[in-house]
Protein backbone atom coordinates (compact mmCIF):
# COMPACT_ATOMS: atom_id res chain seq x y z
CA MET A 1 -47.36 2.60 4.41
CA LEU A 2 -47.54 2.64 8.40
CA THR A 3 -46.87 -0.40 9.89
CA GLU A 4 -48.94 -2.69 12.32
CA GLN A 5 -46.68 -1.77 15.56
CA GLN A 6 -46.86 2.12 14.47
CA LEU A 7 -50.73 2.23 13.98
CA THR A 8 -50.81 0.21 17.63
CA SER A 9 -48.76 2.82 19.22
CA VAL A 10 -50.71 5.50 18.07
CA LEU A 11 -54.07 3.60 18.82
CA ALA A 12 -52.25 3.39 22.29
CA THR A 13 -52.08 6.80 22.68
CA GLU A 14 -55.37 7.36 21.53
CA ARG A 15 -57.06 5.38 24.14
CA ARG A 16 -55.12 7.41 26.86
CA ILE A 17 -56.20 10.46 25.33
CA TYR A 18 -59.88 8.99 25.49
CA ALA A 19 -59.26 8.07 29.34
CA ALA A 20 -58.07 11.41 30.17
CA LEU A 21 -60.83 13.03 28.41
CA SER A 22 -63.19 11.11 30.17
CA GLU A 23 -61.76 11.92 33.50
CA VAL A 24 -61.63 15.80 32.67
CA LEU A 25 -65.55 15.14 31.75
CA GLU A 26 -66.57 13.62 35.01
CA LEU A 27 -64.65 16.48 37.03
CA THR A 28 -66.28 19.06 35.01
CA GLY A 29 -69.60 17.82 35.56
CA GLU A 30 -68.61 17.96 39.88
CA LEU A 31 -67.06 21.23 39.11
CA SER A 32 -70.53 22.17 37.92
CA ALA A 33 -72.36 20.81 40.38
CA SER A 34 -70.22 22.32 42.95
CA ILE A 35 -70.57 25.99 41.05
CA GLN A 36 -74.76 25.66 40.89
CA ARG A 37 -74.77 24.60 45.26
CA GLY A 38 -72.26 27.63 45.81
CA ASP A 39 -69.85 25.31 47.09
CA SER A 40 -66.26 27.55 46.66
CA VAL A 41 -64.22 25.07 48.26
CA SER A 42 -65.18 22.40 45.95
CA VAL A 43 -65.19 24.49 42.87
CA GLN A 44 -61.26 25.23 43.75
CA LEU A 45 -60.68 20.98 44.61
CA PHE A 46 -62.33 20.57 41.12
CA LEU A 47 -60.48 22.74 39.24
CA GLN A 48 -57.22 21.75 40.63
CA LEU A 49 -58.23 18.00 40.25
CA ARG A 50 -58.69 18.63 36.40
CA GLN A 51 -55.53 19.96 35.86
CA GLU A 52 -53.76 16.79 36.15
CA PRO A 53 -55.99 15.12 32.99
CA ILE A 54 -55.31 18.14 31.20
CA ASN A 55 -51.71 18.29 31.37
CA GLN A 56 -51.73 14.41 30.62
CA LEU A 57 -53.61 15.57 27.29
CA ARG A 58 -50.99 18.13 26.57
CA GLU A 59 -48.10 15.04 26.81
CA TYR A 60 -50.28 12.71 25.16
CA GLN A 61 -50.41 15.26 22.02
CA THR A 62 -46.65 16.07 22.34
CA ASN A 63 -46.32 12.21 22.26
CA LEU A 64 -48.38 12.03 19.01
CA ALA A 65 -46.29 15.05 17.44
CA GLN A 66 -42.77 13.02 18.23
CA GLN A 67 -44.38 10.01 16.91
CA CYS A 68 -45.46 11.67 13.66
CA ARG A 69 -41.75 13.61 13.14
CA ILE A 70 -39.89 10.38 13.87
CA LEU A 71 -41.99 8.81 10.53
CA PRO A 72 -40.38 8.75 7.29
CA ALA A 73 -41.89 12.01 4.99
CA GLU A 74 -44.75 9.55 3.30
CA ASP A 75 -45.98 7.48 6.63
CA GLN A 76 -45.91 11.01 8.46
CA LYS A 77 -48.24 12.51 6.03
CA GLU A 78 -50.25 9.34 6.22
CA LEU A 79 -50.24 9.51 9.92
CA GLU A 80 -50.95 13.30 9.85
CA GLY A 81 -54.36 12.44 7.22
CA LEU A 82 -55.49 10.01 9.70
CA LEU A 83 -55.35 11.96 12.70
CA SER A 84 -57.17 14.50 10.93
CA GLY A 85 -59.82 12.35 9.60
CA GLN A 86 -59.10 11.35 6.05
CA ALA A 87 -59.73 7.51 4.97
CA ALA A 88 -57.70 5.00 5.78
CA SER A 89 -57.05 1.42 5.08
CA PRO A 90 -58.98 -1.60 6.83
CA ALA A 91 -55.65 -1.93 8.70
CA ALA A 92 -56.05 1.67 10.72
CA GLN A 93 -59.90 1.04 11.19
CA PRO A 94 -59.64 0.63 14.55
CA LEU A 95 -57.26 3.73 15.14
CA GLN A 96 -60.20 5.59 12.85
CA GLU A 97 -62.87 4.52 15.42
CA GLN A 98 -60.86 5.59 18.32
CA LEU A 99 -60.07 8.80 16.41
CA GLN A 100 -64.05 9.41 16.27
CA ARG A 101 -65.05 8.36 19.77
CA ASN A 102 -62.07 10.75 20.97
CA ARG A 103 -63.74 13.75 18.91
CA ALA A 104 -67.24 12.79 20.08
CA LEU A 105 -65.91 12.92 23.62
CA TRP A 106 -63.81 16.13 23.33
CA THR A 107 -66.93 17.94 21.80
CA ARG A 108 -68.91 16.86 25.34
CA VAL A 109 -65.94 18.09 27.57
CA VAL A 110 -65.59 21.51 25.82
CA GLN A 111 -69.72 21.76 25.68
CA ALA A 112 -69.49 21.04 29.54
CA ASP A 113 -66.65 23.46 30.18
CA ARG A 114 -68.22 26.10 28.43
CA ALA A 115 -71.33 25.54 30.64
CA ALA A 116 -69.08 25.80 33.94
CA SER A 117 -67.32 28.63 32.55
CA GLY A 118 -70.40 30.76 31.90
CA ARG A 119 -72.04 29.77 35.55
CA LEU A 120 -68.34 30.66 36.96
CA CYS A 121 -67.59 33.79 35.57
CA GLY A 122 -70.34 34.89 33.65
CA LYS A 123 -69.98 37.48 30.54
CA ASP A 124 -66.14 37.06 32.06
CA SER A 125 -66.08 33.65 30.87
CA PHE A 126 -62.73 32.07 28.69
CA TYR A 127 -65.08 31.57 26.16
CA ASP A 128 -66.90 35.28 26.04
CA SER A 129 -63.40 36.24 25.36
């Protein structure tokens, strides 16, 4: 069974993921507005600005994978289950709630990015490949 400290550590990482996703969503909105205005300088700027929180997201995912790998097999399986959305004990409820918020925000980020990519690249969009 995962300890309170382990759950707290994963929850802290998930909160950082939420913050990074929020930043990506905000910057993607600015990117979309720049695309609509036809402001190529701003488009380049916002594409560059998005890269840092995207890199942070990769780091956080790596951190979660490391946290998972160092656990005993039973705890590792429990954490993997939590991260994939399986039901949890009451002690893991805050983590599950954060994971739900993160998934919902991730969906919004992908939708915004898909729309921006479609406007910027047309039929050559990443999502149409």
